[in-house]
Protein backbone atom coordinates (compact mmCIF):
# COMPACT_ATOMS: atom_id res chain seq x y z
CA MET A 1 -0.24 -0.13 0.06
CA GLU A 2 2.76 2.33 0.69
CA GLU A 3 4.87 2.00 -2.16
CA ARG A 4 1.27 2.40 -4.56
CA GLN A 5 0.82 5.48 -2.74
CA THR A 6 4.42 6.59 -3.52
CA VAL A 7 3.75 5.71 -7.11
CA ARG A 8 0.64 7.74 -6.99
CA ARG A 9 2.44 10.95 -5.31
CA SER A 10 5.11 10.74 -7.96
CA LEU A 11 2.25 10.93 -10.77
CA LEU A 12 0.36 13.87 -9.07
CA LEU A 13 4.00 15.78 -8.94
CA GLU A 14 4.89 15.00 -12.30
CA ALA A 15 1.11 16.16 -13.17
CA GLY A 16 1.96 19.28 -10.77
CA LEU A 17 4.66 20.26 -12.55
CA GLU A 18 2.93 19.95 -16.09
CA VAL A 19 0.03 22.14 -15.22
CA PHE A 20 1.37 24.98 -13.18
CA GLY A 21 4.19 24.77 -15.57
CA THR A 22 2.64 25.23 -18.74
CA ARG A 23 -1.10 26.51 -17.58
CA GLY A 24 -0.32 28.36 -14.50
CA TYR A 25 -0.82 27.99 -10.52
CA ALA A 26 -3.70 30.44 -10.89
CA SER A 27 -5.69 28.91 -13.73
CA SER A 28 -5.63 25.16 -12.67
CA SER A 29 -7.45 23.40 -10.54
CA VAL A 30 -6.91 19.64 -8.30
CA LEU A 31 -9.49 17.95 -11.67
CA GLU A 32 -7.08 19.21 -14.00
CA ILE A 33 -4.05 17.86 -11.89
CA CYS A 34 -5.84 14.73 -11.43
CA GLN A 35 -6.61 14.24 -15.22
CA GLN A 36 -2.78 14.87 -16.08
CA ALA A 37 -2.43 11.97 -13.47
CA GLY A 38 -4.82 9.63 -14.45
CA LEU A 39 -6.01 9.49 -10.86
CA THR A 40 -9.29 10.41 -9.15
CA GLU A 41 -9.74 13.19 -7.22
CA ARG A 42 -9.29 10.66 -3.70
CA TYR A 43 -5.93 9.80 -4.42
CA PHE A 44 -4.92 13.83 -4.54
CA TYR A 45 -5.87 14.48 -1.27
CA GLU A 46 -4.47 11.23 0.31
CA SER A 47 -0.88 13.32 -0.31
CA PHE A 48 -2.19 16.74 -0.27
CA THR A 49 -4.03 18.75 1.69
CA ASP A 50 -4.67 21.24 -1.44
CA ARG A 51 -2.90 22.70 -4.12
CA GLU A 52 -0.80 25.40 -3.36
CA ALA A 53 0.62 22.25 -0.73
CA LEU A 54 1.54 20.24 -4.08
CA LEU A 55 2.99 23.56 -5.46
CA SER A 56 4.80 23.63 -2.78
CA ALA A 57 6.14 20.19 -3.31
CA VAL A 58 6.83 20.63 -6.87
CA ALA A 59 9.05 23.50 -6.29
CA SER A 60 10.73 22.01 -3.28
CA ALA A 61 11.55 18.86 -5.92
CA ILE A 62 13.15 21.20 -7.86
CA VAL A 63 15.34 23.06 -5.56
CA GLU A 64 16.36 19.35 -3.98
CA ASP A 65 17.57 18.19 -7.23
CA PHE A 66 19.52 21.63 -8.32
CA LEU A 67 21.07 21.64 -4.46
CA THR A 68 22.07 17.83 -5.18
CA ALA A 69 23.99 18.56 -8.17
CA VAL A 70 25.80 21.06 -7.09
CA ALA A 71 26.62 19.95 -3.29
CA PRO A 72 30.24 18.62 -4.81
CA LEU A 73 31.08 21.92 -5.98
CA ALA A 74 31.91 23.30 -2.76
CA MET A 75 35.05 21.54 -2.26
CA LEU A 76 35.82 22.28 -5.24
CA THR A 77 35.52 25.70 -4.90
CA GLU A 78 38.65 25.59 -2.52
CA THR A 79 41.27 24.61 -5.56
CA HIS A 80 39.43 24.99 -8.58
CA LEU A 81 37.56 28.37 -8.20
CA ASP A 82 36.21 29.04 -11.96
CA ARG A 83 35.64 25.36 -12.33
CA ALA A 84 33.05 25.37 -9.61
CA ILE A 85 31.44 28.45 -10.85
CA ARG A 86 31.80 27.67 -14.82
CA GLU A 87 29.92 23.85 -13.39
CA GLY A 88 28.01 25.47 -10.81
CA ALA A 89 26.20 27.68 -13.97
CA ASP A 90 25.59 25.07 -16.02
CA ALA A 91 24.11 22.66 -13.51
CA PHE A 92 21.54 26.00 -12.34
CA VAL A 93 20.48 26.47 -16.57
CA ALA A 94 20.53 22.54 -16.70
CA SER A 95 18.15 22.13 -13.49
CA LEU A 96 15.69 24.83 -14.96
CA ALA A 97 16.11 26.36 -18.23
CA ASP A 98 16.43 23.01 -20.04
CA ASP A 99 12.91 22.43 -18.65
CA PRO A 100 10.80 25.28 -19.35
CA ARG A 101 7.99 24.18 -16.60
CA ARG A 102 10.64 24.12 -13.47
CA ALA A 103 11.57 27.56 -14.36
CA ARG A 104 8.35 28.92 -14.08
CA VAL A 105 7.33 26.84 -11.60
CA LEU A 106 9.84 27.61 -9.13
CA LEU A 107 10.50 31.63 -10.64
CA VAL A 108 7.02 32.43 -11.32
CA GLU A 109 3.91 30.54 -10.13
CA THR A 110 5.25 30.67 -6.81
CA VAL A 111 5.80 34.30 -6.58
CA GLY A 112 2.62 35.76 -4.49
CA VAL A 113 0.60 32.80 -3.82
CA SER A 114 0.51 33.13 -0.19
CA PRO A 115 2.35 34.47 2.78
CA THR A 116 3.33 30.92 3.81
CA MET A 117 4.38 30.49 0.02
CA GLU A 118 6.65 33.16 0.31
CA ASP A 119 8.48 32.31 3.19
CA ARG A 120 8.92 28.92 1.38
CA ARG A 121 10.40 30.80 -1.54
CA ARG A 122 12.48 32.98 0.28
CA ALA A 123 13.77 30.07 2.10
CA VAL A 124 15.22 28.75 -1.02
CA ILE A 125 17.00 31.65 -1.94
CA GLY A 126 18.39 31.29 1.85
CA GLU A 127 19.35 27.73 0.95
CA ILE A 128 21.36 28.95 -2.37
CA VAL A 129 22.79 31.72 -0.41
CA GLU A 130 24.32 29.22 2.15
CA PHE A 131 25.42 27.13 -0.41
CA LEU A 132 27.44 29.86 -1.44
CA ARG A 133 28.33 30.76 1.51
CA ARG A 134 30.22 26.87 2.24
CA GLY A 135 32.21 27.60 -0.44
CA THR A 136 33.27 30.87 0.32
CA GLY A 137 34.13 29.89 3.20
CA LEU A 138 35.99 27.27 2.23
CA ARG A 139 37.99 29.60 -0.55
CA TYR A 140 38.35 32.87 1.12
CA GLY A 141 37.74 32.40 5.03
CA SER A 142 34.70 32.78 7.42
CA SER A 143 35.71 36.36 7.54
CA VAL A 144 34.41 37.05 4.03
CA SER A 145 31.48 34.61 3.97
CA ASP A 146 30.18 35.55 7.70
CA SER A 147 30.31 39.14 6.26
CA VAL A 148 26.89 41.42 5.95
CA GLN A 149 28.68 42.47 2.23
CA PHE A 150 28.79 38.70 1.47
CA ASP A 151 24.76 38.39 2.15
CA VAL A 152 24.18 41.70 0.41
CA VAL A 153 26.77 40.60 -2.49
CA THR A 154 24.96 36.85 -3.13
CA ARG A 155 21.23 37.87 -2.57
CA ALA A 156 21.40 40.32 -5.59
CA LEU A 157 23.45 37.51 -7.44
CA VAL A 158 21.40 35.09 -6.65
CA GLY A 159 18.38 37.83 -7.91
CA ALA A 160 20.20 38.89 -10.93
CA ALA A 161 20.88 35.12 -12.26
CA GLN A 162 16.79 34.13 -11.64
CA GLU A 163 15.80 37.40 -13.99
CA LEU A 164 18.01 35.94 -16.29
CA LEU A 165 16.79 32.55 -16.43
CA VAL A 166 13.37 34.24 -16.73
CA ALA A 167 14.04 36.38 -19.50
CA PHE A 168 15.79 33.31 -21.14
CA VAL A 169 13.12 30.89 -21.07
CA ARG A 170 10.73 33.95 -22.39
CA ARG A 171 12.51 34.34 -25.13
CA GLU A 172 13.40 38.25 -23.91
CA LEU A 173 17.26 37.62 -24.31
CA PRO A 174 19.09 36.82 -27.72
CA ILE A 175 21.24 34.26 -26.15
CA ASP A 176 21.49 30.70 -26.79
CA ARG A 177 22.16 28.18 -23.91
CA GLU A 178 25.89 28.10 -23.93
CA GLN A 179 25.60 31.82 -23.78
CA LEU A 180 23.58 31.93 -20.92
CA THR A 181 25.72 29.90 -19.08
CA ALA A 182 28.97 31.67 -19.50
CA GLN A 183 26.77 35.17 -18.42
CA LEU A 184 25.96 33.44 -15.52
CA ALA A 185 29.44 31.96 -14.89
CA GLY A 186 31.05 35.31 -15.43
CA LEU A 187 28.71 36.96 -12.96
CA PHE A 188 29.44 35.29 -10.23
CA ARG A 189 32.96 34.78 -11.18
CA SER A 190 32.72 39.38 -10.31
CA ALA A 191 31.71 38.29 -6.83
CA PRO A 192 35.11 38.56 -5.08
CA THR A 193 35.57 41.88 -7.09
CA ILE A 194 32.31 43.25 -5.47
CA LEU A 195 32.98 42.26 -2.42
CA MET A 196 36.04 43.87 -1.48
CA ALA A 197 34.47 47.14 -3.60
CA LEU A 198 31.66 47.20 -0.72
CA SER A 199 33.89 46.27 1.92
CA GLU A 200 36.32 48.97 1.21
CA SER A 201 32.94 51.21 0.92
CA ALA A 202 31.70 50.19 4.06
CA GLY A 203 35.28 51.17 5.75
CA GLU A 204 35.23 54.26 4.39
CA SER A 205 31.48 55.08 5.51
CA ALA A 206 32.36 53.68 9.06
CA GLN A 207 35.72 55.75 9.08
CA ASN A 208 33.53 59.29 7.88
CA HIS A 209 31.11 58.85 10.31
CA THR A 210 33.96 57.85 13.49
CA GLU A 211 35.49 60.88 12.34
CA LYS A 212 32.16 63.13 12.36
CA GLU A 213 31.32 61.89 15.69
CA THR A 214 34.95 62.72 17.20
CA PRO A 215 35.07 65.64 19.29
CA ARG A 216 37.45 68.19 18.03
């Protein structure tokens, strides 16, 4: 019975990916999802409380696939940073752009659904930031990876990468897959330079603030 339930849940996850990734979450229904899966609604509620629960599960599966694919790259950053960045960018594109449904579900359909889903979406960004923090810590040390500037830069880069991917999937960028991967790699390769610039700027700001407060 447990095996059959697992199979039915997998069918619903695949159906959710298809329906949410092609028709959109707001335009879908439990009935449509069940028809896509070849199951009755009874079996839908066996695994999920509602459509939002299924959307969350589909999005989580996409993120898990990506993080599993890039997990070995964190250690690689210590000795082969450029290769780690290049392979990470390729894994990001492969995980989402190679199947536009996955990009739409994760980057478009989960936005604005509910406060709970927004919390989950923000948690996904946090998971990616923490992955980048581990790699950065191995390469540059905790003084860099634990800094405020690190959080500023990585969140900005993750947001930029998401926007580029959505634009690519929507055919708004005149580039092919290989060029997209190269551009993303270049974006993250610039992170150390941006970090240094922000750190210097923060240092100058702190110094100026101290000078203003020092009695003459």
